[in-house]
Amino acid sequence: MFDSEMIALVAQAFGESIFMTVASSIMAYVIGLPMGFILVASEEGGIAPMPMVNKILGAVVNFFRSIPFLILLVAIMPFTQAIVGTVIGAKAATVVLVVAAAPFVARMVETSLKEVDRGVIEAAESMGATPFEIMRKVLLPEAMPSLLLGSSIVTTTILAYSAMAGFCGGGGLGAIAINYGYYRGDRVIMWVMVVLIVLIVAVLQSAGIYISKKKDKRL
């Protein structure tokens, strides 16, 4: 069951899961964070109202968020092939994870920014701050605890997606659980992978909550 070969496979899969989660989270935030700021700034009554931009971007975000992950995984295979040259493995799964997670990040960021007290924004506007200065010096610092807490939710969601990617050759712990646990009927291996994934989720969530509390000036 857990001979040296299997242990090596699990160690490799563990590394792939961490790689997919971390790399996808970073790239999803590189894309999703600006999108979230634009959604908040461009809405009616925002610091830089652009209704048409807001509607188009909102529609794009809603469209990609509505596609089930496994369907998206298959649907964008040509795009994945063009980007990384393959449709299997951790790198290929990372591309799909970014496409799936970026809209989710945008909405999480939008929600966090909308929690900022409107009075703080109005005070910055009254002092002549530009929209970009308000976003960088007011919205971002004030929303930081909520953004950090949201990031832990995003990373755990991406980890769950990466496990599902194992159904289509995405690699990681999900692939071990499916290929060696489910298909071969070895429930021990399958549940060990589940426990490992749960442990990673627990660590990520705990880290996110801890850092969020440290950055929260209200506490």
N, C-alpha and C. Protein backbone atom coordinates (compact mmCIF):
# COMPACT_ATOMS: atom_id res chain seq x y z
N MET A 1 0.84 -1.20 0.00
CA MET A 1 0.00 0.00 0.00
C MET A 1 0.87 1.25 0.00
N PHE A 2 1.46 1.60 1.15
CA PHE A 2 2.34 2.77 1.23
C PHE A 2 3.80 2.31 1.26
N ASP A 3 4.24 1.76 0.11
CA ASP A 3 5.64 1.40 -0.01
C ASP A 3 6.43 2.65 -0.40
N SER A 4 7.72 2.47 -0.63
CA SER A 4 8.58 3.61 -0.93
C SER A 4 8.14 4.34 -2.20
N GLU A 5 7.68 3.56 -3.17
CA GLU A 5 7.24 4.17 -4.44
C GLU A 5 6.00 5.03 -4.22
N MET A 6 5.05 4.53 -3.44
CA MET A 6 3.83 5.28 -3.17
C MET A 6 4.14 6.53 -2.35
N ILE A 7 5.02 6.40 -1.39
CA ILE A 7 5.40 7.56 -0.57
C ILE A 7 6.02 8.65 -1.45
N ALA A 8 6.85 8.23 -2.40
CA ALA A 8 7.47 9.19 -3.32
C ALA A 8 6.41 9.87 -4.18
N LEU A 9 5.43 9.10 -4.64
CA LEU A 9 4.34 9.66 -5.44
C LEU A 9 3.51 10.67 -4.63
N VAL A 10 3.24 10.31 -3.38
CA VAL A 10 2.47 11.21 -2.52
C VAL A 10 3.24 12.50 -2.26
N ALA A 11 4.55 12.37 -2.01
CA ALA A 11 5.38 13.55 -1.78
C ALA A 11 5.38 14.47 -3.01
N GLN A 12 5.48 13.86 -4.18
CA GLN A 12 5.46 14.64 -5.42
C GLN A 12 4.09 15.31 -5.60
N ALA A 13 3.02 14.55 -5.33
CA ALA A 13 1.67 15.09 -5.47
C ALA A 13 1.41 16.21 -4.48
N PHE A 14 1.95 16.06 -3.28
CA PHE A 14 1.82 17.10 -2.25
C PHE A 14 2.46 18.39 -2.75
N GLY A 15 3.66 18.28 -3.30
CA GLY A 15 4.35 19.44 -3.84
C GLY A 15 3.58 20.07 -4.99
N GLU A 16 2.98 19.22 -5.85
CA GLU A 16 2.20 19.73 -6.97
C GLU A 16 0.97 20.49 -6.48
N SER A 17 0.32 19.97 -5.44
CA SER A 17 -0.86 20.65 -4.90
C SER A 17 -0.50 22.01 -4.32
N ILE A 18 0.62 22.06 -3.60
CA ILE A 18 1.08 23.33 -3.04
C ILE A 18 1.44 24.30 -4.16
N PHE A 19 2.14 23.79 -5.18
CA PHE A 19 2.52 24.64 -6.31
C PHE A 19 1.29 25.20 -7.01
N MET A 20 0.32 24.33 -7.32
CA MET A 20 -0.88 24.79 -8.01
C MET A 20 -1.64 25.82 -7.18
N THR A 21 -1.74 25.57 -5.87
CA THR A 21 -2.49 26.48 -5.00
C THR A 21 -1.82 27.84 -4.90
N VAL A 22 -0.51 27.83 -4.62
CA VAL A 22 0.21 29.09 -4.43
C VAL A 22 0.32 29.87 -5.74
N ALA A 23 0.76 29.20 -6.80
CA ALA A 23 0.94 29.88 -8.09
C ALA A 23 -0.39 30.41 -8.61
N SER A 24 -1.44 29.61 -8.52
CA SER A 24 -2.75 30.03 -9.00
C SER A 24 -3.31 31.19 -8.17
N SER A 25 -3.10 31.13 -6.86
CA SER A 25 -3.59 32.21 -6.00
C SER A 25 -2.91 33.53 -6.33
N ILE A 26 -1.60 33.48 -6.50
CA ILE A 26 -0.86 34.71 -6.82
C ILE A 26 -1.32 35.29 -8.15
N MET A 27 -1.39 34.45 -9.17
CA MET A 27 -1.78 34.96 -10.49
C MET A 27 -3.25 35.37 -10.52
N ALA A 28 -4.09 34.67 -9.77
CA ALA A 28 -5.51 35.05 -9.70
C ALA A 28 -5.67 36.42 -9.06
N TYR A 29 -4.84 36.72 -8.06
CA TYR A 29 -4.89 38.04 -7.42
C TYR A 29 -4.28 39.12 -8.31
N VAL A 30 -3.26 38.78 -9.08
CA VAL A 30 -2.69 39.74 -10.03
C VAL A 30 -3.77 40.20 -11.01
N ILE A 31 -4.65 39.28 -11.42
CA ILE A 31 -5.73 39.61 -12.35
C ILE A 31 -6.97 40.11 -11.62
N GLY A 32 -7.36 39.43 -10.57
CA GLY A 32 -8.61 39.72 -9.89
C GLY A 32 -8.62 40.95 -9.02
N LEU A 33 -7.47 41.29 -8.41
CA LEU A 33 -7.42 42.46 -7.53
C LEU A 33 -7.73 43.76 -8.29
N PRO A 34 -7.07 44.03 -9.44
CA PRO A 34 -7.44 45.23 -10.20
C PRO A 34 -8.89 45.20 -10.67
N MET A 35 -9.37 44.01 -11.04
CA MET A 35 -10.76 43.90 -11.48
C MET A 35 -11.72 44.30 -10.37
N GLY A 36 -11.42 43.86 -9.15
CA GLY A 36 -12.26 44.22 -8.01
C GLY A 36 -12.27 45.71 -7.75
N PHE A 37 -11.09 46.34 -7.85
CA PHE A 37 -11.00 47.79 -7.66
C PHE A 37 -11.79 48.53 -8.73
N ILE A 38 -11.68 48.06 -9.97
CA ILE A 38 -12.41 48.70 -11.07
C ILE A 38 -13.92 48.57 -10.87
N LEU A 39 -14.37 47.40 -10.43
CA LEU A 39 -15.79 47.19 -10.19
C LEU A 39 -16.33 48.16 -9.15
N VAL A 40 -15.56 48.40 -8.10
CA VAL A 40 -16.00 49.31 -7.04
C VAL A 40 -15.90 50.77 -7.49
N ALA A 41 -14.79 51.13 -8.12
CA ALA A 41 -14.58 52.52 -8.52
C ALA A 41 -15.52 52.96 -9.63
N SER A 42 -15.87 52.04 -10.53
CA SER A 42 -16.64 52.41 -11.72
C SER A 42 -18.14 52.34 -11.53
N GLU A 43 -18.60 51.82 -10.39
CA GLU A 43 -20.04 51.71 -10.18
C GLU A 43 -20.67 53.08 -9.99
N GLU A 44 -21.98 53.12 -10.15
CA GLU A 44 -22.70 54.39 -9.95
C GLU A 44 -22.52 54.87 -8.51
N GLY A 45 -22.04 56.09 -8.35
CA GLY A 45 -21.75 56.62 -7.04
C GLY A 45 -20.35 56.30 -6.55
N GLY A 46 -19.56 55.63 -7.39
CA GLY A 46 -18.18 55.29 -7.02
C GLY A 46 -17.26 56.48 -7.19
N ILE A 47 -15.98 56.27 -6.94
CA ILE A 47 -15.02 57.38 -7.01
C ILE A 47 -14.66 57.73 -8.45
N ALA A 48 -14.97 56.87 -9.40
CA ALA A 48 -14.73 57.14 -10.82
C ALA A 48 -15.82 56.43 -11.64
N PRO A 49 -17.05 56.93 -11.57
CA PRO A 49 -18.19 56.25 -12.20
C PRO A 49 -18.01 56.04 -13.71
N MET A 50 -18.12 54.79 -14.13
CA MET A 50 -18.09 54.42 -15.54
C MET A 50 -19.07 53.27 -15.73
N PRO A 51 -20.37 53.60 -15.83
CA PRO A 51 -21.41 52.56 -15.86
C PRO A 51 -21.20 51.49 -16.92
N MET A 52 -20.79 51.88 -18.11
CA MET A 52 -20.62 50.90 -19.18
C MET A 52 -19.49 49.92 -18.86
N VAL A 53 -18.36 50.46 -18.39
CA VAL A 53 -17.24 49.61 -18.00
C VAL A 53 -17.66 48.66 -16.88
N ASN A 54 -18.40 49.19 -15.93
CA ASN A 54 -18.85 48.38 -14.79
C ASN A 54 -19.76 47.24 -15.24
N LYS A 55 -20.68 47.53 -16.15
CA LYS A 55 -21.60 46.51 -16.63
C LYS A 55 -20.88 45.43 -17.43
N ILE A 56 -19.95 45.85 -18.31
CA ILE A 56 -19.23 44.88 -19.13
C ILE A 56 -18.34 43.99 -18.27
N LEU A 57 -17.58 44.61 -17.37
CA LEU A 57 -16.70 43.83 -16.51
C LEU A 57 -17.50 42.93 -15.59
N GLY A 58 -18.60 43.44 -15.06
CA GLY A 58 -19.45 42.63 -14.19
C GLY A 58 -20.02 41.43 -14.92
N ALA A 59 -20.40 41.63 -16.19
CA ALA A 59 -20.94 40.53 -16.98
C ALA A 59 -19.88 39.47 -17.25
N VAL A 60 -18.65 39.90 -17.54
CA VAL A 60 -17.55 38.96 -17.78
C VAL A 60 -17.26 38.14 -16.52
N VAL A 61 -17.21 38.82 -15.39
CA VAL A 61 -16.94 38.15 -14.11
C VAL A 61 -18.05 37.14 -13.81
N ASN A 62 -19.29 37.56 -13.97
CA ASN A 62 -20.42 36.66 -13.69
C ASN A 62 -20.44 35.46 -14.63
N PHE A 63 -20.06 35.69 -15.90
CA PHE A 63 -20.06 34.60 -16.87
C PHE A 63 -19.08 33.50 -16.46
N PHE A 64 -17.85 33.88 -16.16
CA PHE A 64 -16.84 32.88 -15.82
C PHE A 64 -17.10 32.26 -14.45
N ARG A 65 -17.70 33.01 -13.55
CA ARG A 65 -18.02 32.44 -12.24
C ARG A 65 -19.15 31.42 -12.33
N SER A 66 -19.96 31.52 -13.38
CA SER A 66 -21.11 30.63 -13.51
C SER A 66 -20.77 29.28 -14.12
N ILE A 67 -19.58 29.17 -14.71
CA ILE A 67 -19.20 27.92 -15.39
C ILE A 67 -18.66 26.92 -14.36
N PRO A 68 -19.26 25.75 -14.24
CA PRO A 68 -18.70 24.73 -13.33
C PRO A 68 -17.25 24.44 -13.67
N PHE A 69 -16.43 24.20 -12.65
CA PHE A 69 -14.99 24.09 -12.86
C PHE A 69 -14.62 22.98 -13.83
N LEU A 70 -15.21 21.79 -13.69
CA LEU A 70 -14.84 20.67 -14.55
C LEU A 70 -15.20 20.95 -16.01
N ILE A 71 -16.31 21.66 -16.23
CA ILE A 71 -16.67 22.03 -17.60
C ILE A 71 -15.68 23.04 -18.15
N LEU A 72 -15.31 24.01 -17.32
CA LEU A 72 -14.32 25.01 -17.73
C LEU A 72 -12.99 24.34 -18.05
N LEU A 73 -12.63 23.36 -17.24
CA LEU A 73 -11.37 22.64 -17.43
C LEU A 73 -11.28 22.03 -18.83
N VAL A 74 -12.39 21.46 -19.28
CA VAL A 74 -12.43 20.84 -20.61
C VAL A 74 -12.58 21.90 -21.70
N ALA A 75 -13.40 22.90 -21.45
CA ALA A 75 -13.73 23.89 -22.47
C ALA A 75 -12.53 24.71 -22.93
N ILE A 76 -11.61 25.00 -22.01
CA ILE A 76 -10.48 25.86 -22.38
C ILE A 76 -9.20 25.07 -22.63
N MET A 77 -9.34 23.78 -22.91
CA MET A 77 -8.16 22.97 -23.21
C MET A 77 -7.31 23.54 -24.35
N PRO A 78 -7.93 24.03 -25.44
CA PRO A 78 -7.09 24.63 -26.49
C PRO A 78 -6.29 25.83 -25.99
N PHE A 79 -6.90 26.64 -25.14
CA PHE A 79 -6.20 27.79 -24.55
C PHE A 79 -5.06 27.32 -23.66
N THR A 80 -5.33 26.30 -22.85
CA THR A 80 -4.30 25.74 -21.97
C THR A 80 -3.14 25.18 -22.78
N GLN A 81 -3.47 24.47 -23.85
CA GLN A 81 -2.45 23.90 -24.73
C GLN A 81 -1.58 25.01 -25.33
N ALA A 82 -2.21 26.10 -25.72
CA ALA A 82 -1.47 27.21 -26.32
C ALA A 82 -0.56 27.90 -25.31
N ILE A 83 -0.97 27.94 -24.05
CA ILE A 83 -0.19 28.65 -23.02
C ILE A 83 0.99 27.82 -22.53
N VAL A 84 0.75 26.57 -22.15
CA VAL A 84 1.81 25.76 -21.53
C VAL A 84 2.23 24.56 -22.37
N GLY A 85 1.58 24.33 -23.52
CA GLY A 85 1.97 23.25 -24.41
C GLY A 85 1.48 21.88 -24.03
N THR A 86 0.58 21.79 -23.03
CA THR A 86 0.02 20.51 -22.62
C THR A 86 -1.30 20.75 -21.92
N VAL A 87 -2.11 19.70 -21.81
CA VAL A 87 -3.39 19.83 -21.11
C VAL A 87 -3.43 18.94 -19.87
N ILE A 88 -2.31 18.33 -19.53
CA ILE A 88 -2.25 17.51 -18.32
C ILE A 88 -1.11 17.99 -17.44
N GLY A 89 -1.19 17.63 -16.16
CA GLY A 89 -0.14 18.00 -15.23
C GLY A 89 -0.46 19.28 -14.46
N ALA A 90 0.39 19.59 -13.51
CA ALA A 90 0.17 20.71 -12.60
C ALA A 90 0.18 22.06 -13.32
N LYS A 91 1.07 22.23 -14.30
CA LYS A 91 1.14 23.50 -15.01
C LYS A 91 -0.14 23.77 -15.79
N ALA A 92 -0.65 22.74 -16.46
CA ALA A 92 -1.89 22.89 -17.21
C ALA A 92 -3.05 23.20 -16.28
N ALA A 93 -3.10 22.53 -15.15
CA ALA A 93 -4.18 22.77 -14.19
C ALA A 93 -4.10 24.18 -13.63
N THR A 94 -2.89 24.70 -13.48
CA THR A 94 -2.72 26.05 -12.95
C THR A 94 -3.37 27.09 -13.85
N VAL A 95 -3.25 26.90 -15.16
CA VAL A 95 -3.88 27.84 -16.10
C VAL A 95 -5.39 27.88 -15.88
N VAL A 96 -6.01 26.72 -15.78
CA VAL A 96 -7.46 26.64 -15.58
C VAL A 96 -7.84 27.21 -14.22
N LEU A 97 -7.04 26.93 -13.21
CA LEU A 97 -7.32 27.43 -11.87
C LEU A 97 -7.31 28.96 -11.84
N VAL A 98 -6.39 29.56 -12.57
CA VAL A 98 -6.33 31.03 -12.63
C VAL A 98 -7.57 31.60 -13.30
N VAL A 99 -7.96 30.98 -14.43
CA VAL A 99 -9.14 31.43 -15.15
C VAL A 99 -10.39 31.30 -14.27
N ALA A 100 -10.47 30.23 -13.51
CA ALA A 100 -11.63 30.00 -12.65
C ALA A 100 -11.62 30.90 -11.42
N ALA A 101 -10.42 31.15 -10.86
CA ALA A 101 -10.32 31.87 -9.59
C ALA A 101 -10.31 33.38 -9.72
N ALA A 102 -9.79 33.91 -10.82
CA ALA A 102 -9.68 35.36 -10.97
C ALA A 102 -11.03 36.08 -10.82
N PRO A 103 -12.11 35.61 -11.46
CA PRO A 103 -13.41 36.27 -11.25
C PRO A 103 -13.90 36.16 -9.81
N PHE A 104 -13.61 35.02 -9.17
CA PHE A 104 -13.97 34.83 -7.77
C PHE A 104 -13.23 35.83 -6.89
N VAL A 105 -11.95 36.01 -7.18
CA VAL A 105 -11.14 37.00 -6.45
C VAL A 105 -11.71 38.40 -6.65
N ALA A 106 -12.09 38.72 -7.88
CA ALA A 106 -12.64 40.05 -8.18
C ALA A 106 -13.85 40.33 -7.31
N ARG A 107 -14.74 39.37 -7.17
CA ARG A 107 -15.93 39.56 -6.34
C ARG A 107 -15.58 39.63 -4.86
N MET A 108 -14.62 38.83 -4.41
CA MET A 108 -14.19 38.88 -3.02
C MET A 108 -13.60 40.25 -2.70
N VAL A 109 -12.76 40.75 -3.61
CA VAL A 109 -12.14 42.07 -3.43
C VAL A 109 -13.22 43.14 -3.42
N GLU A 110 -14.15 43.05 -4.35
CA GLU A 110 -15.24 44.03 -4.42
C GLU A 110 -16.00 44.07 -3.09
N THR A 111 -16.32 42.91 -2.56
CA THR A 111 -17.05 42.85 -1.28
C THR A 111 -16.25 43.48 -0.15
N SER A 112 -14.94 43.20 -0.10
CA SER A 112 -14.09 43.74 0.95
C SER A 112 -14.00 45.27 0.85
N LEU A 113 -13.86 45.79 -0.36
CA LEU A 113 -13.73 47.24 -0.54
C LEU A 113 -15.01 47.96 -0.19
N LYS A 114 -16.15 47.32 -0.43
CA LYS A 114 -17.43 47.95 -0.13
C LYS A 114 -17.69 48.02 1.37
N GLU A 115 -16.90 47.31 2.16
CA GLU A 115 -17.04 47.36 3.61
C GLU A 115 -16.37 48.61 4.21
N VAL A 116 -15.55 49.29 3.41
CA VAL A 116 -14.86 50.48 3.90
C VAL A 116 -15.88 51.59 4.15
N ASP A 117 -15.74 52.27 5.28
CA ASP A 117 -16.64 53.35 5.66
C ASP A 117 -16.66 54.44 4.59
N ARG A 118 -17.83 54.77 4.10
CA ARG A 118 -17.97 55.78 3.06
C ARG A 118 -17.45 57.13 3.53
N GLY A 119 -17.55 57.39 4.82
CA GLY A 119 -17.07 58.67 5.35
C GLY A 119 -15.58 58.86 5.16
N VAL A 120 -14.81 57.78 5.25
CA VAL A 120 -13.36 57.86 5.05
C VAL A 120 -13.05 58.24 3.60
N ILE A 121 -13.81 57.66 2.68
CA ILE A 121 -13.61 57.95 1.26
C ILE A 121 -13.97 59.40 0.97
N GLU A 122 -15.09 59.87 1.53
CA GLU A 122 -15.52 61.25 1.31
C GLU A 122 -14.52 62.24 1.88
N ALA A 123 -13.92 61.88 3.00
CA ALA A 123 -12.91 62.75 3.59
C ALA A 123 -11.70 62.88 2.67
N ALA A 124 -11.30 61.78 2.07
CA ALA A 124 -10.17 61.80 1.13
C ALA A 124 -10.51 62.62 -0.11
N GLU A 125 -11.75 62.49 -0.59
CA GLU A 125 -12.18 63.26 -1.75
C GLU A 125 -12.20 64.75 -1.46
N SER A 126 -12.62 65.11 -0.25
CA SER A 126 -12.69 66.52 0.13
C SER A 126 -11.30 67.15 0.21
N MET A 127 -10.29 66.32 0.43
CA MET A 127 -8.92 66.82 0.49
C MET A 127 -8.24 66.82 -0.87
N GLY A 128 -9.00 66.50 -1.92
CA GLY A 128 -8.48 66.57 -3.27
C GLY A 128 -7.75 65.34 -3.75
N ALA A 129 -7.94 64.20 -3.07
CA ALA A 129 -7.26 62.98 -3.49
C ALA A 129 -7.85 62.48 -4.81
N THR A 130 -6.99 61.99 -5.69
CA THR A 130 -7.44 61.44 -6.96
C THR A 130 -8.01 60.04 -6.73
N PRO A 131 -8.80 59.53 -7.70
CA PRO A 131 -9.33 58.17 -7.55
C PRO A 131 -8.25 57.13 -7.29
N PHE A 132 -7.12 57.25 -7.99
CA PHE A 132 -6.03 56.29 -7.78
C PHE A 132 -5.46 56.41 -6.38
N GLU A 133 -5.31 57.63 -5.89
CA GLU A 133 -4.79 57.84 -4.53
C GLU A 133 -5.76 57.28 -3.49
N ILE A 134 -7.06 57.45 -3.75
CA ILE A 134 -8.06 56.90 -2.82
C ILE A 134 -7.98 55.37 -2.79
N MET A 135 -7.82 54.78 -3.96
CA MET A 135 -7.72 53.32 -4.01
C MET A 135 -6.48 52.82 -3.30
N ARG A 136 -5.35 53.52 -3.52
CA ARG A 136 -4.07 53.04 -2.98
C ARG A 136 -3.88 53.40 -1.51
N LYS A 137 -4.32 54.60 -1.10
CA LYS A 137 -4.03 55.08 0.24
C LYS A 137 -5.20 54.97 1.22
N VAL A 138 -6.39 54.74 0.69
CA VAL A 138 -7.56 54.66 1.56
C VAL A 138 -8.21 53.27 1.50
N LEU A 139 -8.69 52.92 0.31
CA LEU A 139 -9.42 51.66 0.18
C LEU A 139 -8.56 50.44 0.52
N LEU A 140 -7.36 50.38 -0.06
CA LEU A 140 -6.51 49.21 0.16
C LEU A 140 -6.12 49.03 1.63
N PRO A 141 -5.60 50.08 2.31
CA PRO A 141 -5.25 49.90 3.73
C PRO A 141 -6.46 49.59 4.61
N GLU A 142 -7.57 50.28 4.36
CA GLU A 142 -8.75 50.08 5.21
C GLU A 142 -9.36 48.69 5.03
N ALA A 143 -9.28 48.18 3.81
CA ALA A 143 -9.88 46.87 3.53
C ALA A 143 -8.90 45.72 3.72
N MET A 144 -7.65 46.01 4.09
CA MET A 144 -6.62 44.97 4.15
C MET A 144 -7.00 43.77 5.02
N PRO A 145 -7.52 43.95 6.26
CA PRO A 145 -7.88 42.77 7.06
C PRO A 145 -8.90 41.88 6.36
N SER A 146 -9.92 42.50 5.75
CA SER A 146 -10.93 41.73 5.04
C SER A 146 -10.35 41.06 3.80
N LEU A 147 -9.44 41.77 3.11
CA LEU A 147 -8.80 41.19 1.93
C LEU A 147 -7.97 39.97 2.30
N LEU A 148 -7.24 40.06 3.40
CA LEU A 148 -6.41 38.95 3.85
C LEU A 148 -7.26 37.76 4.26
N LEU A 149 -8.36 38.05 4.94
CA LEU A 149 -9.27 36.96 5.33
C LEU A 149 -9.88 36.32 4.09
N GLY A 150 -10.21 37.15 3.11
CA GLY A 150 -10.75 36.62 1.87
C GLY A 150 -9.75 35.79 1.10
N SER A 151 -8.47 36.15 1.22
CA SER A 151 -7.43 35.40 0.50
C SER A 151 -7.33 33.96 1.00
N SER A 152 -7.59 33.77 2.29
CA SER A 152 -7.56 32.39 2.82
C SER A 152 -8.71 31.58 2.24
N ILE A 153 -9.86 32.23 2.04
CA ILE A 153 -11.00 31.55 1.42
C ILE A 153 -10.68 31.21 -0.03
N VAL A 154 -10.05 32.16 -0.72
CA VAL A 154 -9.69 31.94 -2.13
C VAL A 154 -8.71 30.79 -2.27
N THR A 155 -7.67 30.76 -1.45
CA THR A 155 -6.65 29.71 -1.58
C THR A 155 -7.22 28.32 -1.27
N THR A 156 -8.10 28.25 -0.27
CA THR A 156 -8.69 26.94 0.04
C THR A 156 -9.65 26.51 -1.07
N THR A 157 -10.33 27.47 -1.69
CA THR A 157 -11.20 27.15 -2.83
C THR A 157 -10.38 26.65 -4.01
N ILE A 158 -9.25 27.31 -4.26
CA ILE A 158 -8.36 26.88 -5.34
C ILE A 158 -7.81 25.49 -5.06
N LEU A 159 -7.49 25.22 -3.81
CA LEU A 159 -7.01 23.88 -3.45
C LEU A 159 -8.08 22.83 -3.74
N ALA A 160 -9.33 23.15 -3.44
CA ALA A 160 -10.43 22.23 -3.73
C ALA A 160 -10.57 22.02 -5.24
N TYR A 161 -10.44 23.11 -6.00
CA TYR A 161 -10.49 23.00 -7.46
C TYR A 161 -9.35 22.12 -7.98
N SER A 162 -8.16 22.29 -7.39
CA SER A 162 -7.00 21.52 -7.86
C SER A 162 -7.22 20.03 -7.62
N ALA A 163 -7.92 19.70 -6.54
CA ALA A 163 -8.24 18.29 -6.28
C ALA A 163 -9.19 17.76 -7.35
N MET A 164 -10.17 18.60 -7.76
CA MET A 164 -11.09 18.19 -8.83
C MET A 164 -10.37 18.03 -10.16
N ALA A 165 -9.32 18.83 -10.36
CA ALA A 165 -8.57 18.74 -11.62
C ALA A 165 -7.90 17.38 -11.78
N GLY A 166 -7.76 16.66 -10.67
CA GLY A 166 -7.19 15.32 -10.73
C GLY A 166 -8.00 14.37 -11.59
N PHE A 167 -9.29 14.64 -11.76
CA PHE A 167 -10.14 13.81 -12.62
C PHE A 167 -9.69 13.88 -14.07
N CYS A 168 -9.07 14.97 -14.45
CA CYS A 168 -8.66 15.17 -15.86
C CYS A 168 -7.15 15.26 -16.00
N GLY A 169 -6.43 14.57 -15.15
CA GLY A 169 -4.98 14.53 -15.27
C GLY A 169 -4.28 15.77 -14.76
N GLY A 170 -4.91 16.46 -13.81
CA GLY A 170 -4.32 17.70 -13.31
C GLY A 170 -3.18 17.51 -12.34
N GLY A 171 -2.98 16.32 -11.85
CA GLY A 171 -1.91 16.08 -10.89
C GLY A 171 -2.32 16.45 -9.47
N GLY A 172 -1.37 16.38 -8.55
CA GLY A 172 -1.64 16.73 -7.17
C GLY A 172 -2.26 15.60 -6.36
N LEU A 173 -2.64 15.92 -5.13
CA LEU A 173 -3.20 14.91 -4.24
C LEU A 173 -4.54 14.38 -4.75
N GLY A 174 -5.28 15.22 -5.45
CA GLY A 174 -6.54 14.76 -6.02
C GLY A 174 -6.34 13.63 -7.01
N ALA A 175 -5.29 13.71 -7.82
CA ALA A 175 -5.01 12.67 -8.81
C ALA A 175 -4.65 11.36 -8.11
N ILE A 176 -3.89 11.43 -7.03
CA ILE A 176 -3.55 10.21 -6.27
C ILE A 176 -4.82 9.59 -5.69
N ALA A 177 -5.68 10.43 -5.11
CA ALA A 177 -6.92 9.93 -4.51
C ALA A 177 -7.79 9.24 -5.55
N ILE A 178 -7.84 9.79 -6.74
CA ILE A 178 -8.70 9.24 -7.79
C ILE A 178 -8.07 8.01 -8.45
N ASN A 179 -6.81 8.16 -8.89
CA ASN A 179 -6.17 7.08 -9.65
C ASN A 179 -5.80 5.87 -8.80
N TYR A 180 -5.29 6.11 -7.59
CA TYR A 180 -4.84 5.01 -6.74
C TYR A 180 -5.84 4.64 -5.66
N GLY A 181 -6.74 5.58 -5.32
CA GLY A 181 -7.73 5.30 -4.30
C GLY A 181 -9.05 4.86 -4.88
N TYR A 182 -9.68 5.72 -5.66
CA TYR A 182 -11.01 5.44 -6.18
C TYR A 182 -11.00 4.34 -7.25
N TYR A 183 -10.18 4.53 -8.30
CA TYR A 183 -10.20 3.58 -9.42
C TYR A 183 -9.69 2.20 -9.01
N ARG A 184 -8.74 2.14 -8.09
CA ARG A 184 -8.21 0.84 -7.66
C ARG A 184 -8.91 0.30 -6.42
N GLY A 185 -9.88 1.05 -5.93
CA GLY A 185 -10.66 0.58 -4.79
C GLY A 185 -9.92 0.57 -3.48
N ASP A 186 -8.83 1.36 -3.36
CA ASP A 186 -8.06 1.42 -2.12
C ASP A 186 -8.53 2.63 -1.32
N ARG A 187 -9.46 2.40 -0.43
CA ARG A 187 -10.06 3.50 0.32
C ARG A 187 -9.08 4.12 1.31
N VAL A 188 -8.10 3.35 1.75
CA VAL A 188 -7.11 3.89 2.68
C VAL A 188 -6.33 5.02 2.01
N ILE A 189 -5.82 4.75 0.82
CA ILE A 189 -5.08 5.77 0.09
C ILE A 189 -5.97 6.98 -0.18
N MET A 190 -7.21 6.73 -0.57
CA MET A 190 -8.12 7.83 -0.88
C MET A 190 -8.35 8.71 0.35
N TRP A 191 -8.57 8.10 1.49
CA TRP A 191 -8.85 8.89 2.69
C TRP A 191 -7.60 9.55 3.25
N VAL A 192 -6.46 8.95 3.05
CA VAL A 192 -5.21 9.61 3.46
C VAL A 192 -5.02 10.90 2.66
N MET A 193 -5.33 10.84 1.36
CA MET A 193 -5.23 12.05 0.53
C MET A 193 -6.23 13.11 0.98
N VAL A 194 -7.43 12.65 1.34
CA VAL A 194 -8.44 13.58 1.83
C VAL A 194 -7.96 14.27 3.11
N VAL A 195 -7.38 13.50 4.00
CA VAL A 195 -6.87 14.06 5.26
C VAL A 195 -5.76 15.08 4.99
N LEU A 196 -4.87 14.75 4.06
CA LEU A 196 -3.79 15.69 3.73
C LEU A 196 -4.35 17.00 3.18
N ILE A 197 -5.35 16.89 2.31
CA ILE A 197 -5.97 18.10 1.75
C ILE A 197 -6.64 18.91 2.85
N VAL A 198 -7.33 18.24 3.76
CA VAL A 198 -7.99 18.92 4.87
C VAL A 198 -6.97 19.63 5.75
N LEU A 199 -5.83 18.99 5.98
CA LEU A 199 -4.78 19.60 6.80
C LEU A 199 -4.23 20.86 6.14
N ILE A 200 -4.03 20.80 4.83
CA ILE A 200 -3.54 21.98 4.11
C ILE A 200 -4.56 23.11 4.22
N VAL A 201 -5.84 22.77 4.07
CA VAL A 201 -6.90 23.77 4.19
C VAL A 201 -6.89 24.40 5.58
N ALA A 202 -6.74 23.57 6.61
CA ALA A 202 -6.73 24.07 7.98
C ALA A 202 -5.57 25.03 8.21
N VAL A 203 -4.40 24.67 7.69
CA VAL A 203 -3.22 25.53 7.85
C VAL A 203 -3.42 26.87 7.13
N LEU A 204 -3.93 26.82 5.90
CA LEU A 204 -4.14 28.04 5.13
C LEU A 204 -5.17 28.94 5.79
N GLN A 205 -6.25 28.36 6.27
CA GLN A 205 -7.28 29.16 6.93
C GLN A 205 -6.77 29.78 8.22
N SER A 206 -6.04 29.00 9.01
CA SER A 206 -5.50 29.51 10.26
C SER A 206 -4.52 30.65 10.02
N ALA A 207 -3.67 30.48 9.00
CA ALA A 207 -2.71 31.51 8.66
C ALA A 207 -3.41 32.79 8.21
N GLY A 208 -4.45 32.64 7.39
CA GLY A 208 -5.20 33.79 6.91
C GLY A 208 -5.87 34.54 8.05
N ILE A 209 -6.49 33.81 8.96
CA ILE A 209 -7.17 34.44 10.11
C ILE A 209 -6.16 35.13 11.01
N TYR A 210 -5.02 34.50 11.25
CA TYR A 210 -3.99 35.07 12.13
C TYR A 210 -3.45 36.38 11.55
N ILE A 211 -3.09 36.35 10.26
CA ILE A 211 -2.53 37.55 9.63
C ILE A 211 -3.57 38.65 9.55
N SER A 212 -4.82 38.28 9.27
CA SER A 212 -5.89 39.26 9.20
C SER A 212 -6.08 39.98 10.54
N LYS A 213 -6.03 39.22 11.62
CA LYS A 213 -6.18 39.83 12.95
C LYS A 213 -5.00 40.74 13.27
N LYS A 214 -3.81 40.36 12.85
CA LYS A 214 -2.62 41.18 13.09
C LYS A 214 -2.70 42.51 12.36
N LYS A 215 -3.34 42.49 11.17
CA LYS A 215 -3.43 43.71 10.36
C LYS A 215 -4.67 44.55 10.69
N ASP A 216 -5.55 44.02 11.51
CA ASP A 216 -6.79 44.73 11.82
C ASP A 216 -6.53 45.74 12.94
N LYS A 217 -6.50 47.00 12.60
CA LYS A 217 -6.19 48.05 13.59
C LYS A 217 -7.33 48.26 14.58
N ARG A 218 -8.50 47.68 14.30
CA ARG A 218 -9.62 47.82 15.23
C ARG A 218 -9.48 46.91 16.45
N LEU A 219 -8.59 45.90 16.34
CA LEU A 219 -8.43 44.94 17.44
C LEU A 219 -7.29 45.34 18.36
